[in-house]
Amino acid sequence: MSLDPSQIKVAKRLAVLVAEQGEAAVSQIRPTLKVLIGDEPLATRRAFCRSFLQFLNREIRAREVRIEHAGPVTEAEVEQIVARFSTETGHKVSPRLIDNPDLIGGLRVSVGDNVYDASVAGSLSRLALSVN
């Protein structure tokens, strides 16, 4: 079962609301969902929930900045990265530090589907591709 464009738009808006407000939004959207899709067939409600969860996962990923590092990262560097990507995305992002010795050195920063690779391993990989 597929949703009509207005239902998809509502699913996306609700996902943004939940991503921004967290648990507080859940109690607010329950009555809204009952009105919007409460009388819809089960297949439509399932399709709406799938669509909502896909949008919510995308919103959550867009609000987290993954900082992979191969060495120590200072608090100032983390704050600088968070500030840059908060400005770039238009909303506050939360840092998630991941120690990754495979990077050899440097950082790989991911926000949503975007990856910014400033690691030694990434540079070597790009160099190897350019040589071939």
C-alpha atoms as a PDB file:
ATOM      1  CA  MET A   1       0.000   0.000   0.000  1.00  0.00           C
ATOM      2  CA  SER A   2       1.368   3.405  -0.890  1.00  0.00           C
ATOM      3  CA  LEU A   3       0.602   6.685   0.785  1.00  0.00           C
ATOM      4  CA  ASP A   4      -0.721   9.773  -0.897  1.00  0.00           C
ATOM      5  CA  PRO A   5       1.608  12.817  -0.997  1.00  0.00           C
ATOM      6  CA  SER A   6      -0.184  14.585   1.864  1.00  0.00           C
ATOM      7  CA  GLN A   7       0.285  11.572   4.161  1.00  0.00           C
ATOM      8  CA  ILE A   8       3.980  11.411   3.260  1.00  0.00           C
ATOM      9  CA  LYS A   9       4.317  15.121   4.019  1.00  0.00           C
ATOM     10  CA  VAL A  10       2.670  14.632   7.436  1.00  0.00           C
ATOM     11  CA  ALA A  11       4.936  11.662   8.223  1.00  0.00           C
ATOM     12  CA  LYS A  12       7.973  13.786   7.418  1.00  0.00           C
ATOM     13  CA  ARG A  13       6.780  16.747   9.513  1.00  0.00           C
ATOM     14  CA  LEU A  14       6.047  14.499  12.476  1.00  0.00           C
ATOM     15  CA  ALA A  15       9.504  12.916  12.184  1.00  0.00           C
ATOM     16  CA  VAL A  16      11.141  16.354  12.253  1.00  0.00           C
ATOM     17  CA  LEU A  17       9.051  17.306  15.303  1.00  0.00           C
ATOM     18  CA  VAL A  18      10.045  14.151  17.191  1.00  0.00           C
ATOM     19  CA  ALA A  19      13.725  14.549  16.233  1.00  0.00           C
ATOM     20  CA  GLU A  20      13.725  18.147  17.471  1.00  0.00           C
ATOM     21  CA  GLN A  21      11.683  17.714  20.656  1.00  0.00           C
ATOM     22  CA  GLY A  22      12.368  14.099  21.583  1.00  0.00           C
ATOM     23  CA  GLU A  23      10.124  12.301  24.058  1.00  0.00           C
ATOM     24  CA  ALA A  24       8.074  15.440  24.707  1.00  0.00           C
ATOM     25  CA  ALA A  25       6.689  15.291  21.158  1.00  0.00           C
ATOM     26  CA  VAL A  26       5.513  11.684  21.412  1.00  0.00           C
ATOM     27  CA  SER A  27       2.572  12.513  23.692  1.00  0.00           C
ATOM     28  CA  GLN A  28       1.654  15.409  21.391  1.00  0.00           C
ATOM     29  CA  ILE A  29       1.562  13.385  18.185  1.00  0.00           C
ATOM     30  CA  ARG A  30      -0.464  10.404  19.456  1.00  0.00           C
ATOM     31  CA  PRO A  31      -3.817  12.230  19.271  1.00  0.00           C
ATOM     32  CA  THR A  32      -2.840  13.693  15.905  1.00  0.00           C
ATOM     33  CA  LEU A  33      -2.106  10.240  14.510  1.00  0.00           C
ATOM     34  CA  LYS A  34      -5.455   8.910  15.745  1.00  0.00           C
ATOM     35  CA  VAL A  35      -7.250  11.684  13.887  1.00  0.00           C
ATOM     36  CA  LEU A  36      -5.131  11.430  10.727  1.00  0.00           C
ATOM     37  CA  ILE A  37      -4.863   7.686  10.204  1.00  0.00           C
ATOM     38  CA  GLY A  38      -6.975   6.081  12.939  1.00  0.00           C
ATOM     39  CA  ASP A  39      -9.762   5.138  10.525  1.00  0.00           C
ATOM     40  CA  GLU A  40      -7.471   4.147   7.654  1.00  0.00           C
ATOM     41  CA  PRO A  41      -7.065   0.490   6.663  1.00  0.00           C
ATOM     42  CA  LEU A  42      -4.342  -1.446   8.470  1.00  0.00           C
ATOM     43  CA  ALA A  43      -2.125  -1.518   5.363  1.00  0.00           C
ATOM     44  CA  THR A  44      -2.224   2.295   5.166  1.00  0.00           C
ATOM     45  CA  ARG A  45      -1.386   2.666   8.864  1.00  0.00           C
ATOM     46  CA  ARG A  46       1.570   0.297   8.449  1.00  0.00           C
ATOM     47  CA  ALA A  47       2.791   2.179   5.383  1.00  0.00           C
ATOM     48  CA  PHE A  48       2.496   5.460   7.294  1.00  0.00           C
ATOM     49  CA  CYS A  49       4.477   4.039  10.231  1.00  0.00           C
ATOM     50  CA  ARG A  50       7.203   2.725   7.911  1.00  0.00           C
ATOM     51  CA  SER A  51       7.435   6.090   6.196  1.00  0.00           C
ATOM     52  CA  PHE A  52       7.519   7.929   9.538  1.00  0.00           C
ATOM     53  CA  LEU A  53      10.309   5.671  10.855  1.00  0.00           C
ATOM     54  CA  GLN A  54      12.379   6.145   7.696  1.00  0.00           C
ATOM     55  CA  PHE A  55      12.065   9.925   7.986  1.00  0.00           C
ATOM     56  CA  LEU A  56      12.804   9.783  11.727  1.00  0.00           C
ATOM     57  CA  ASN A  57      15.965   7.709  11.214  1.00  0.00           C
ATOM     58  CA  ARG A  58      17.123  10.187   8.573  1.00  0.00           C
ATOM     59  CA  GLU A  59      16.457  13.132  10.917  1.00  0.00           C
ATOM     60  CA  ILE A  60      18.309  11.466  13.789  1.00  0.00           C
ATOM     61  CA  ARG A  61      21.335  10.731  11.574  1.00  0.00           C
ATOM     62  CA  ALA A  62      21.314  14.339  10.379  1.00  0.00           C
ATOM     63  CA  ARG A  63      21.474  15.552  13.988  1.00  0.00           C
ATOM     64  CA  GLU A  64      24.496  13.455  14.938  1.00  0.00           C
ATOM     65  CA  VAL A  65      28.038  14.247  13.865  1.00  0.00           C
ATOM     66  CA  ARG A  66      30.188  11.101  13.938  1.00  0.00           C
ATOM     67  CA  ILE A  67      33.822  11.955  14.523  1.00  0.00           C
ATOM     68  CA  GLU A  68      36.104   9.011  13.783  1.00  0.00           C
ATOM     69  CA  HIS A  69      39.662   9.579  14.952  1.00  0.00           C
ATOM     70  CA  ALA A  70      42.929   7.665  15.085  1.00  0.00           C
ATOM     71  CA  GLY A  71      44.509   9.658  17.887  1.00  0.00           C
ATOM     72  CA  PRO A  72      43.517  12.040  20.623  1.00  0.00           C
ATOM     73  CA  VAL A  73      40.910  14.692  19.841  1.00  0.00           C
ATOM     74  CA  THR A  74      40.715  17.780  22.035  1.00  0.00           C
ATOM     75  CA  GLU A  75      37.490  19.171  23.428  1.00  0.00           C
ATOM     76  CA  ALA A  76      38.166  22.374  21.465  1.00  0.00           C
ATOM     77  CA  GLU A  77      38.369  20.409  18.198  1.00  0.00           C
ATOM     78  CA  VAL A  78      35.102  18.637  18.969  1.00  0.00           C
ATOM     79  CA  GLU A  79      33.413  21.956  19.798  1.00  0.00           C
ATOM     80  CA  GLN A  80      34.715  23.479  16.562  1.00  0.00           C
ATOM     81  CA  ILE A  81      33.394  20.542  14.499  1.00  0.00           C
ATOM     82  CA  VAL A  82      30.015  20.666  16.265  1.00  0.00           C
ATOM     83  CA  ALA A  83      29.748  24.433  15.719  1.00  0.00           C
ATOM     84  CA  ARG A  84      30.598  24.136  12.028  1.00  0.00           C
ATOM     85  CA  PHE A  85      28.090  21.387  11.320  1.00  0.00           C
ATOM     86  CA  SER A  86      25.385  22.976  13.476  1.00  0.00           C
ATOM     87  CA  THR A  87      25.745  26.077  11.307  1.00  0.00           C
ATOM     88  CA  GLU A  88      25.920  24.058   8.097  1.00  0.00           C
ATOM     89  CA  THR A  89      22.854  21.926   8.837  1.00  0.00           C
ATOM     90  CA  GLY A  90      20.793  24.673  10.454  1.00  0.00           C
ATOM     91  CA  HIS A  91      20.199  22.725  13.678  1.00  0.00           C
ATOM     92  CA  LYS A  92      22.187  21.591  16.690  1.00  0.00           C
ATOM     93  CA  VAL A  93      24.171  18.412  16.169  1.00  0.00           C
ATOM     94  CA  SER A  94      25.463  16.068  18.854  1.00  0.00           C
ATOM     95  CA  PRO A  95      28.982  14.649  18.646  1.00  0.00           C
ATOM     96  CA  ARG A  96      29.700  10.929  18.725  1.00  0.00           C
ATOM     97  CA  LEU A  97      33.398  10.102  19.041  1.00  0.00           C
ATOM     98  CA  ILE A  98      34.603   6.816  17.573  1.00  0.00           C
ATOM     99  CA  ASP A  99      38.182   5.620  17.957  1.00  0.00           C
ATOM    100  CA  ASN A 100      39.246   4.124  14.609  1.00  0.00           C
ATOM    101  CA  PRO A 101      42.945   3.175  14.404  1.00  0.00           C
ATOM    102  CA  ASP A 102      42.450   2.127  10.747  1.00  0.00           C
ATOM    103  CA  LEU A 103      42.461   5.830   9.846  1.00  0.00           C
ATOM    104  CA  ILE A 104      46.193   5.923  10.739  1.00  0.00           C
ATOM    105  CA  GLY A 105      45.872   9.629  11.565  1.00  0.00           C
ATOM    106  CA  GLY A 106      43.449  12.508  11.142  1.00  0.00           C
ATOM    107  CA  LEU A 107      39.657  12.504  11.204  1.00  0.00           C
ATOM    108  CA  ARG A 108      36.658  11.244   9.273  1.00  0.00           C
ATOM    109  CA  VAL A 109      33.502  13.222  10.032  1.00  0.00           C
ATOM    110  CA  SER A 110      30.024  12.055   9.007  1.00  0.00           C
ATOM    111  CA  VAL A 111      26.723  13.910   9.219  1.00  0.00           C
ATOM    112  CA  GLY A 112      23.769  12.076   7.744  1.00  0.00           C
ATOM    113  CA  ASP A 113      24.912  10.714   4.387  1.00  0.00           C
ATOM    114  CA  ASN A 114      27.777  13.202   4.016  1.00  0.00           C
ATOM    115  CA  VAL A 115      31.314  12.038   4.833  1.00  0.00           C
ATOM    116  CA  TYR A 116      34.286  14.394   5.155  1.00  0.00           C
ATOM    117  CA  ASP A 117      37.508  12.387   5.181  1.00  0.00           C
ATOM    118  CA  ALA A 118      40.657  14.130   6.389  1.00  0.00           C
ATOM    119  CA  SER A 119      42.409  10.940   7.467  1.00  0.00           C
ATOM    120  CA  VAL A 120      45.758   9.548   6.390  1.00  0.00           C
ATOM    121  CA  ALA A 121      44.053   6.334   5.235  1.00  0.00           C
ATOM    122  CA  GLY A 122      41.601   8.351   3.136  1.00  0.00           C
ATOM    123  CA  SER A 123      44.412  10.368   1.566  1.00  0.00           C
ATOM    124  CA  LEU A 124      46.349   7.196   0.734  1.00  0.00           C
ATOM    125  CA  SER A 125      43.242   5.629  -0.774  1.00  0.00           C
ATOM    126  CA  ARG A 126      42.600   8.678  -2.977  1.00  0.00           C
ATOM    127  CA  LEU A 127      46.271   8.707  -3.998  1.00  0.00           C
ATOM    128  CA  ALA A 128      46.119   5.015  -4.953  1.00  0.00           C
ATOM    129  CA  LEU A 129      43.000   5.638  -7.057  1.00  0.00           C
ATOM    130  CA  SER A 130      44.621   8.557  -8.872  1.00  0.00           C
ATOM    131  CA  VAL A 131      47.718   6.494  -9.716  1.00  0.00           C
ATOM    132  CA  ASN A 132      45.693   3.663 -11.267  1.00  0.00           C
END
